[in-house]
PDB file of all heavy atoms in Angstrom:
ATOM      1  N   ILE A   1      22.654  -3.269  -2.736  1.00  0.00           N
ATOM      2  CA  ILE A   1      21.280  -3.432  -2.198  1.00  0.00           C
ATOM      3  C   ILE A   1      20.632  -2.044  -2.065  1.00  0.00           C
ATOM      4  O   ILE A   1      21.186  -1.192  -1.376  1.00  0.00           O
ATOM      5  CB  ILE A   1      21.229  -4.256  -0.817  1.00  0.00           C
ATOM      6  CG1 ILE A   1      21.824  -5.653  -1.065  1.00  0.00           C
ATOM      7  CG2 ILE A   1      19.927  -4.295  -0.390  1.00  0.00           C
ATOM      8  CD1 ILE A   1      21.938  -6.356   0.199  1.00  0.00           C
ATOM      9  N   ASN A   2      19.532  -1.996  -2.707  1.00  0.00           N
ATOM     10  CA  ASN A   2      18.840  -0.623  -2.717  1.00  0.00           C
ATOM     11  C   ASN A   2      17.543  -0.730  -2.074  1.00  0.00           C
ATOM     12  O   ASN A   2      16.477  -1.172  -2.804  1.00  0.00           O
ATOM     13  CB  ASN A   2      18.706  -0.198  -4.165  1.00  0.00           C
ATOM     14  CG  ASN A   2      18.095   1.244  -4.339  1.00  0.00           C
ATOM     15  OD1 ASN A   2      18.135   1.936  -3.416  1.00  0.00           O
ATOM     16  ND2 ASN A   2      17.574   1.457  -5.429  1.00  0.00           N
ATOM     17  N   PHE A   3      17.368  -0.332  -0.876  1.00  0.00           N
ATOM     18  CA  PHE A   3      16.054  -0.334  -0.155  1.00  0.00           C
ATOM     19  C   PHE A   3      15.198   0.867  -0.526  1.00  0.00           C
ATOM     20  O   PHE A   3      14.016   0.868  -0.098  1.00  0.00           O
ATOM     21  CB  PHE A   3      16.220  -0.320   1.414  1.00  0.00           C
ATOM     22  CG  PHE A   3      16.735  -1.698   1.845  1.00  0.00           C
ATOM     23  CD1 PHE A   3      18.048  -1.875   2.122  1.00  0.00           C
ATOM     24  CD2 PHE A   3      15.884  -2.802   2.047  1.00  0.00           C
ATOM     25  CE1 PHE A   3      18.607  -3.009   2.692  1.00  0.00           C
ATOM     26  CE2 PHE A   3      16.299  -3.892   2.510  1.00  0.00           C
ATOM     27  CZ  PHE A   3      17.762  -4.086   2.879  1.00  0.00           C
ATOM     28  N   LYS A   4      15.762   1.784  -1.188  1.00  0.00           N
ATOM     29  CA  LYS A   4      15.115   3.014  -1.655  1.00  0.00           C
ATOM     30  C   LYS A   4      13.870   2.857  -2.555  1.00  0.00           C
ATOM     31  O   LYS A   4      12.974   3.620  -2.518  1.00  0.00           O
ATOM     32  CB  LYS A   4      16.067   3.970  -2.326  1.00  0.00           C
ATOM     33  CG  LYS A   4      15.479   5.356  -2.439  1.00  0.00           C
ATOM     34  CD  LYS A   4      16.698   6.252  -3.027  1.00  0.00           C
ATOM     35  CE  LYS A   4      16.153   7.723  -3.376  1.00  0.00           C
ATOM     36  NZ  LYS A   4      15.260   7.756  -4.432  1.00  0.00           N
ATOM     37  N   ASN A   5      13.876   1.673  -3.260  1.00  0.00           N
ATOM     38  CA  ASN A   5      12.742   1.280  -4.097  1.00  0.00           C
ATOM     39  C   ASN A   5      11.399   1.295  -3.235  1.00  0.00           C
ATOM     40  O   ASN A   5      10.358   1.626  -3.761  1.00  0.00           O
ATOM     41  CB  ASN A   5      12.910  -0.006  -4.891  1.00  0.00           C
ATOM     42  CG  ASN A   5      14.211   0.052  -5.745  1.00  0.00           C
ATOM     43  OD1 ASN A   5      14.396   1.065  -6.366  1.00  0.00           O
ATOM     44  ND2 ASN A   5      14.939  -1.071  -5.932  1.00  0.00           N
ATOM     45  N   TYR A   6      11.521   0.615  -2.056  1.00  0.00           N
ATOM     46  CA  TYR A   6      10.382   0.447  -1.240  1.00  0.00           C
ATOM     47  C   TYR A   6       9.793   1.895  -0.810  1.00  0.00           C
ATOM     48  O   TYR A   6       8.594   2.186  -0.711  1.00  0.00           O
ATOM     49  CB  TYR A   6      10.530  -0.291  -0.014  1.00  0.00           C
ATOM     50  CG  TYR A   6      10.780  -1.808  -0.445  1.00  0.00           C
ATOM     51  CD1 TYR A   6      12.044  -2.292  -0.648  1.00  0.00           C
ATOM     52  CD2 TYR A   6       9.725  -2.613  -0.485  1.00  0.00           C
ATOM     53  CE1 TYR A   6      12.217  -3.586  -1.124  1.00  0.00           C
ATOM     54  CE2 TYR A   6       9.836  -4.198  -0.762  1.00  0.00           C
ATOM     55  CZ  TYR A   6      11.126  -4.443  -1.103  1.00  0.00           C
ATOM     56  OH  TYR A   6      11.372  -5.819  -1.420  1.00  0.00           O
ATOM     57  N   LEU A   7      10.735   2.732  -0.461  1.00  0.00           N
ATOM     58  CA  LEU A   7      10.172   4.186  -0.115  1.00  0.00           C
ATOM     59  C   LEU A   7       9.713   4.910  -1.303  1.00  0.00           C
ATOM     60  O   LEU A   7       8.742   5.647  -1.181  1.00  0.00           O
ATOM     61  CB  LEU A   7      11.510   4.894   0.501  1.00  0.00           C
ATOM     62  CG  LEU A   7      11.995   4.323   1.773  1.00  0.00           C
ATOM     63  CD1 LEU A   7      13.259   5.116   2.216  1.00  0.00           C
ATOM     64  CD2 LEU A   7      11.050   4.307   2.872  1.00  0.00           C
ATOM     65  N   ASP A   8      10.363   4.753  -2.459  1.00  0.00           N
ATOM     66  CA  ASP A   8       9.890   5.464  -3.767  1.00  0.00           C
ATOM     67  C   ASP A   8       8.481   5.120  -4.095  1.00  0.00           C
ATOM     68  O   ASP A   8       7.785   5.852  -4.656  1.00  0.00           O
ATOM     69  CB  ASP A   8      10.894   5.254  -4.816  1.00  0.00           C
ATOM     70  CG  ASP A   8      12.222   5.937  -4.564  1.00  0.00           C
ATOM     71  OD1 ASP A   8      12.261   6.843  -3.684  1.00  0.00           O
ATOM     72  OD2 ASP A   8      13.261   5.581  -5.213  1.00  0.00           O
ATOM     73  N   VAL A   9       8.169   3.829  -3.877  1.00  0.00           N
ATOM     74  CA  VAL A   9       6.852   3.389  -4.289  1.00  0.00           C
ATOM     75  C   VAL A   9       5.769   4.162  -3.486  1.00  0.00           C
ATOM     76  O   VAL A   9       4.703   4.460  -4.096  1.00  0.00           O
ATOM     77  CB  VAL A   9       6.619   1.862  -3.950  1.00  0.00           C
ATOM     78  CG1 VAL A   9       5.207   1.483  -4.246  1.00  0.00           C
ATOM     79  CG2 VAL A   9       7.516   1.064  -4.967  1.00  0.00           C
ATOM     80  N   PHE A  10       5.956   4.436  -2.294  1.00  0.00           N
ATOM     81  CA  PHE A  10       4.936   5.292  -1.374  1.00  0.00           C
ATOM     82  C   PHE A  10       4.878   6.609  -1.938  1.00  0.00           C
ATOM     83  O   PHE A  10       3.856   7.296  -1.765  1.00  0.00           O
ATOM     84  CB  PHE A  10       5.402   5.199   0.046  1.00  0.00           C
ATOM     85  CG  PHE A  10       5.088   3.955   0.626  1.00  0.00           C
ATOM     86  CD1 PHE A  10       6.095   2.869   0.754  1.00  0.00           C
ATOM     87  CD2 PHE A  10       3.819   3.591   1.225  1.00  0.00           C
ATOM     88  CE1 PHE A  10       5.807   1.654   1.398  1.00  0.00           C
ATOM     89  CE2 PHE A  10       3.499   2.432   1.829  1.00  0.00           C
ATOM     90  CZ  PHE A  10       4.551   1.415   1.919  1.00  0.00           C
ATOM     91  N   HIS A  11       5.994   7.194  -2.555  1.00  0.00           N
ATOM     92  CA  HIS A  11       5.900   8.439  -2.973  1.00  0.00           C
ATOM     93  C   HIS A  11       5.280   8.667  -4.429  1.00  0.00           C
ATOM     94  O   HIS A  11       4.696   9.631  -4.812  1.00  0.00           O
ATOM     95  CB  HIS A  11       7.451   9.130  -3.068  1.00  0.00           C
ATOM     96  CG  HIS A  11       7.939   9.271  -1.692  1.00  0.00           C
ATOM     97  ND1 HIS A  11       7.467  10.132  -0.798  1.00  0.00           N
ATOM     98  CD2 HIS A  11       9.019   8.728  -1.196  1.00  0.00           C
ATOM     99  CE1 HIS A  11       8.195  10.102   0.338  1.00  0.00           C
ATOM    100  NE2 HIS A  11       9.108   9.248   0.144  1.00  0.00           N
ATOM    101  N   ILE A  12       5.380   7.553  -5.160  1.00  0.00           N
ATOM    102  CA  ILE A  12       4.909   7.549  -6.590  1.00  0.00           C
ATOM    103  C   ILE A  12       3.399   7.371  -6.646  1.00  0.00           C
ATOM    104  O   ILE A  12       2.734   8.004  -7.465  1.00  0.00           O
ATOM    105  CB  ILE A  12       5.658   6.467  -7.450  1.00  0.00           C
ATOM    106  CG1 ILE A  12       7.045   6.646  -7.638  1.00  0.00           C
ATOM    107  CG2 ILE A  12       4.825   6.179  -8.698  1.00  0.00           C
ATOM    108  CD1 ILE A  12       7.811   5.489  -8.218  1.00  0.00           C
ATOM    109  N   MET A  13       2.811   6.604  -5.648  1.00  0.00           N
ATOM    110  CA  MET A  13       1.449   6.480  -5.694  1.00  0.00           C
ATOM    111  C   MET A  13       0.958   6.351  -4.177  1.00  0.00           C
ATOM    112  O   MET A  13       1.725   6.181  -3.320  1.00  0.00           O
ATOM    113  CB  MET A  13       1.144   5.057  -6.423  1.00  0.00           C
ATOM    114  CG  MET A  13       1.773   3.869  -5.601  1.00  0.00           C
ATOM    115  SD  MET A  13       1.543   2.320  -6.476  1.00  0.00           S
ATOM    116  CE  MET A  13      -0.225   2.168  -6.480  1.00  0.00           C
ATOM    117  N   PRO A  14      -0.434   6.811  -4.012  1.00  0.00           N
ATOM    118  CA  PRO A  14      -0.887   6.706  -2.569  1.00  0.00           C
ATOM    119  C   PRO A  14      -1.029   5.297  -2.100  1.00  0.00           C
ATOM    120  O   PRO A  14      -2.130   4.845  -1.885  1.00  0.00           O
ATOM    121  CB  PRO A  14      -2.172   7.620  -2.711  1.00  0.00           C
ATOM    122  CG  PRO A  14      -2.541   7.269  -4.142  1.00  0.00           C
ATOM    123  CD  PRO A  14      -1.382   7.275  -4.897  1.00  0.00           C
ATOM    124  N   LEU A  15       0.090   4.697  -1.767  1.00  0.00           N
ATOM    125  CA  LEU A  15      -0.026   3.350  -1.422  1.00  0.00           C
ATOM    126  C   LEU A  15      -0.835   3.038  -0.089  1.00  0.00           C
ATOM    127  O   LEU A  15      -1.470   2.001  -0.015  1.00  0.00           O
ATOM    128  CB  LEU A  15       1.405   2.723  -1.290  1.00  0.00           C
ATOM    129  CG  LEU A  15       1.590   1.264  -1.484  1.00  0.00           C
ATOM    130  CD1 LEU A  15       1.131   0.813  -2.956  1.00  0.00           C
ATOM    131  CD2 LEU A  15       3.048   0.807  -1.298  1.00  0.00           C
ATOM    132  N   TRP A  16      -0.530   3.913   0.935  1.00  0.00           N
ATOM    133  CA  TRP A  16      -1.311   3.781   2.104  1.00  0.00           C
ATOM    134  C   TRP A  16      -2.985   3.749   1.931  1.00  0.00           C
ATOM    135  O   TRP A  16      -3.596   2.951   2.543  1.00  0.00           O
ATOM    136  CB  TRP A  16      -0.884   4.751   3.147  1.00  0.00           C
ATOM    137  CG  TRP A  16       0.446   4.515   3.692  1.00  0.00           C
ATOM    138  CD1 TRP A  16       1.459   5.527   3.629  1.00  0.00           C
ATOM    139  CD2 TRP A  16       0.890   3.487   4.502  1.00  0.00           C
ATOM    140  NE1 TRP A  16       2.623   4.883   4.248  1.00  0.00           N
ATOM    141  CE2 TRP A  16       2.197   3.835   4.887  1.00  0.00           C
ATOM    142  CE3 TRP A  16       0.319   2.283   5.018  1.00  0.00           C
ATOM    143  CZ2 TRP A  16       3.062   2.790   5.522  1.00  0.00           C
ATOM    144  CZ3 TRP A  16       1.177   1.518   5.722  1.00  0.00           C
ATOM    145  CH2 TRP A  16       2.379   1.633   5.949  1.00  0.00           C
ATOM    146  N   SER A  17      -3.276   4.616   1.022  1.00  0.00           N
ATOM    147  CA  SER A  17      -4.782   4.620   0.655  1.00  0.00           C
ATOM    148  C   SER A  17      -5.162   3.230   0.059  1.00  0.00           C
ATOM    149  O   SER A  17      -6.272   2.782   0.387  1.00  0.00           O
ATOM    150  CB  SER A  17      -5.004   5.880  -0.193  1.00  0.00           C
ATOM    151  OG  SER A  17      -6.344   5.880  -0.595  1.00  0.00           O
ATOM    152  N   TYR A  18      -4.398   2.871  -0.779  1.00  0.00           N
ATOM    153  CA  TYR A  18      -4.792   1.524  -1.507  1.00  0.00           C
ATOM    154  C   TYR A  18      -4.706   0.350  -0.466  1.00  0.00           C
ATOM    155  O   TYR A  18      -5.565  -0.543  -0.586  1.00  0.00           O
ATOM    156  CB  TYR A  18      -3.807   1.185  -2.644  1.00  0.00           C
ATOM    157  CG  TYR A  18      -3.977   2.194  -3.804  1.00  0.00           C
ATOM    158  CD1 TYR A  18      -2.940   2.874  -4.336  1.00  0.00           C
ATOM    159  CD2 TYR A  18      -5.255   2.519  -4.297  1.00  0.00           C
ATOM    160  CE1 TYR A  18      -3.067   3.678  -5.421  1.00  0.00           C
ATOM    161  CE2 TYR A  18      -5.446   3.445  -5.295  1.00  0.00           C
ATOM    162  CZ  TYR A  18      -4.296   3.902  -5.871  1.00  0.00           C
ATOM    163  OH  TYR A  18      -4.461   4.948  -6.877  1.00  0.00           O
ATOM    164  N   ILE A  19      -3.755   0.357   0.440  1.00  0.00           N
ATOM    165  CA  ILE A  19      -3.599  -0.699   1.408  1.00  0.00           C
ATOM    166  C   ILE A  19      -4.814  -0.520   2.384  1.00  0.00           C
ATOM    167  O   ILE A  19      -5.496  -1.679   2.707  1.00  0.00           O
ATOM    168  CB  ILE A  19      -2.323  -0.548   2.264  1.00  0.00           C
ATOM    169  CG1 ILE A  19      -1.106  -0.806   1.357  1.00  0.00           C
ATOM    170  CG2 ILE A  19      -2.312  -1.383   3.548  1.00  0.00           C
ATOM    171  CD1 ILE A  19       0.164  -0.537   2.080  1.00  0.00           C
ATOM    172  N   TRP A  20      -5.328   0.537   2.721  1.00  0.00           N
ATOM    173  CA  TRP A  20      -6.507   0.758   3.643  1.00  0.00           C
ATOM    174  C   TRP A  20      -7.734   0.208   2.863  1.00  0.00           C
ATOM    175  O   TRP A  20      -8.510  -0.520   3.548  1.00  0.00           O
ATOM    176  CB  TRP A  20      -6.690   2.076   3.967  1.00  0.00           C
ATOM    177  CG  TRP A  20      -7.920   2.380   4.725  1.00  0.00           C
ATOM    178  CD1 TRP A  20      -8.946   3.080   4.324  1.00  0.00           C
ATOM    179  CD2 TRP A  20      -8.232   1.847   6.081  1.00  0.00           C
ATOM    180  NE1 TRP A  20     -10.080   3.095   5.284  1.00  0.00           N
ATOM    181  CE2 TRP A  20      -9.512   2.461   6.437  1.00  0.00           C
ATOM    182  CE3 TRP A  20      -7.568   1.157   7.059  1.00  0.00           C
ATOM    183  CZ2 TRP A  20     -10.197   2.046   7.660  1.00  0.00           C
ATOM    184  CZ3 TRP A  20      -8.110   0.854   8.209  1.00  0.00           C
ATOM    185  CH2 TRP A  20      -9.435   1.371   8.526  1.00  0.00           C
ATOM    186  N   ASN A  21      -7.869   0.586   1.619  1.00  0.00           N
ATOM    187  CA  ASN A  21      -8.963   0.060   0.883  1.00  0.00           C
ATOM    188  C   ASN A  21      -8.984  -1.433   0.809  1.00  0.00           C
ATOM    189  O   ASN A  21     -10.169  -2.158   0.924  1.00  0.00           O
ATOM    190  CB  ASN A  21      -9.017   0.614  -0.670  1.00  0.00           C
ATOM    191  CG  ASN A  21      -9.079   2.084  -0.643  1.00  0.00           C
ATOM    192  OD1 ASN A  21      -9.640   2.683   0.165  1.00  0.00           O
ATOM    193  ND2 ASN A  21      -8.701   2.648  -1.756  1.00  0.00           N
ATOM    194  N   THR A  22      -7.779  -2.168   0.722  1.00  0.00           N
ATOM    195  CA  THR A  22      -7.756  -3.480   0.544  1.00  0.00           C
ATOM    196  C   THR A  22      -8.073  -4.208   1.940  1.00  0.00           C
ATOM    197  O   THR A  22      -8.714  -5.094   2.038  1.00  0.00           O
ATOM    198  CB  THR A  22      -6.336  -4.020   0.126  1.00  0.00           C
ATOM    199  OG1 THR A  22      -5.988  -3.225  -1.045  1.00  0.00           O
ATOM    200  CG2 THR A  22      -6.234  -5.381  -0.118  1.00  0.00           C
ATOM    201  N   ILE A  23      -7.631  -3.545   3.025  1.00  0.00           N
ATOM    202  CA  ILE A  23      -7.939  -3.987   4.328  1.00  0.00           C
ATOM    203  C   ILE A  23      -9.479  -4.069   4.663  1.00  0.00           C
ATOM    204  O   ILE A  23      -9.960  -5.026   5.130  1.00  0.00           O
ATOM    205  CB  ILE A  23      -7.200  -3.196   5.401  1.00  0.00           C
ATOM    206  CG1 ILE A  23      -5.648  -3.599   5.444  1.00  0.00           C
ATOM    207  CG2 ILE A  23      -7.717  -3.374   6.834  1.00  0.00           C
ATOM    208  CD1 ILE A  23      -4.848  -2.569   6.374  1.00  0.00           C
ATOM    209  N   VAL A  24     -10.027  -2.886   4.315  1.00  0.00           N
ATOM    210  CA  VAL A  24     -11.555  -2.829   4.487  1.00  0.00           C
ATOM    211  C   VAL A  24     -12.193  -3.884   3.813  1.00  0.00           C
ATOM    212  O   VAL A  24     -13.093  -4.643   4.199  1.00  0.00           O
ATOM    213  CB  VAL A  24     -12.022  -1.398   4.121  1.00  0.00           C
ATOM    214  CG1 VAL A  24     -13.535  -1.440   4.260  1.00  0.00           C
ATOM    215  CG2 VAL A  24     -11.515  -0.399   5.030  1.00  0.00           C
ATOM    216  N   MET A  25     -11.960  -4.115   2.390  1.00  0.00           N
ATOM    217  CA  MET A  25     -12.597  -5.070   1.581  1.00  0.00           C
ATOM    218  C   MET A  25     -12.326  -6.549   2.037  1.00  0.00           C
ATOM    219  O   MET A  25     -13.245  -7.263   2.173  1.00  0.00           O
ATOM    220  CB  MET A  25     -12.135  -4.908   0.092  1.00  0.00           C
ATOM    221  CG  MET A  25     -12.615  -3.629  -0.541  1.00  0.00           C
ATOM    222  SD  MET A  25     -11.960  -3.489  -2.239  1.00  0.00           S
ATOM    223  CE  MET A  25     -12.229  -1.865  -2.670  1.00  0.00           C
ATOM    224  N   THR A  26     -11.112  -6.707   2.472  1.00  0.00           N
ATOM    225  CA  THR A  26     -10.779  -8.072   2.953  1.00  0.00           C
ATOM    226  C   THR A  26     -11.462  -8.331   4.212  1.00  0.00           C
ATOM    227  O   THR A  26     -11.938  -9.479   4.438  1.00  0.00           O
ATOM    228  CB  THR A  26      -9.257  -8.197   3.111  1.00  0.00           C
ATOM    229  OG1 THR A  26      -8.553  -7.845   1.868  1.00  0.00           O
ATOM    230  CG2 THR A  26      -8.782  -9.525   3.481  1.00  0.00           C
ATOM    231  N   PHE A  27     -11.507  -7.441   5.150  1.00  0.00           N
ATOM    232  CA  PHE A  27     -12.080  -7.622   6.421  1.00  0.00           C
ATOM    233  C   PHE A  27     -13.655  -8.032   6.376  1.00  0.00           C
ATOM    234  O   PHE A  27     -14.140  -8.921   6.790  1.00  0.00           O
ATOM    235  CB  PHE A  27     -11.976  -6.342   7.335  1.00  0.00           C
ATOM    236  CG  PHE A  27     -12.698  -6.424   8.706  1.00  0.00           C
ATOM    237  CD1 PHE A  27     -12.090  -7.438   9.625  1.00  0.00           C
ATOM    238  CD2 PHE A  27     -13.798  -5.831   8.838  1.00  0.00           C
ATOM    239  CE1 PHE A  27     -12.802  -7.297  10.965  1.00  0.00           C
ATOM    240  CE2 PHE A  27     -14.484  -5.883  10.080  1.00  0.00           C
ATOM    241  CZ  PHE A  27     -13.937  -6.744  11.084  1.00  0.00           C
ATOM    242  N   LEU A  28     -14.214  -7.019   5.539  1.00  0.00           N
ATOM    243  CA  LEU A  28     -15.735  -7.353   5.221  1.00  0.00           C
ATOM    244  C   LEU A  28     -16.023  -8.592   4.644  1.00  0.00           C
ATOM    245  O   LEU A  28     -16.935  -9.430   4.960  1.00  0.00           O
ATOM    246  CB  LEU A  28     -16.310  -6.212   4.424  1.00  0.00           C
ATOM    247  CG  LEU A  28     -16.349  -4.866   5.161  1.00  0.00           C
ATOM    248  CD1 LEU A  28     -16.887  -3.799   4.206  1.00  0.00           C
ATOM    249  CD2 LEU A  28     -17.276  -4.845   6.366  1.00  0.00           C
ATOM    250  N   GLY A  29     -15.167  -8.933   3.624  1.00  0.00           N
ATOM    251  CA  GLY A  29     -15.434 -10.282   2.792  1.00  0.00           C
ATOM    252  C   GLY A  29     -15.154 -11.413   3.698  1.00  0.00           C
ATOM    253  O   GLY A  29     -15.970 -12.446   3.660  1.00  0.00           O
ATOM    254  N   VAL A  30     -14.072 -11.319   4.582  1.00  0.00           N
ATOM    255  CA  VAL A  30     -13.781 -12.558   5.342  1.00  0.00           C
ATOM    256  C   VAL A  30     -14.853 -12.734   6.516  1.00  0.00           C
ATOM    257  O   VAL A  30     -15.299 -13.919   6.710  1.00  0.00           O
ATOM    258  CB  VAL A  30     -12.422 -12.466   6.059  1.00  0.00           C
ATOM    259  CG1 VAL A  30     -12.120 -13.438   6.993  1.00  0.00           C
ATOM    260  CG2 VAL A  30     -11.325 -12.506   4.994  1.00  0.00           C
TER     261      VAL A  30
END
């Protein structure tokens, strides 16, 4: 079992920035 994939995704791309963009769009839309 390799949990390192989840950590590597955050290093490969600015995932927190994309998550924040999604939260803002979803909140305003809802």
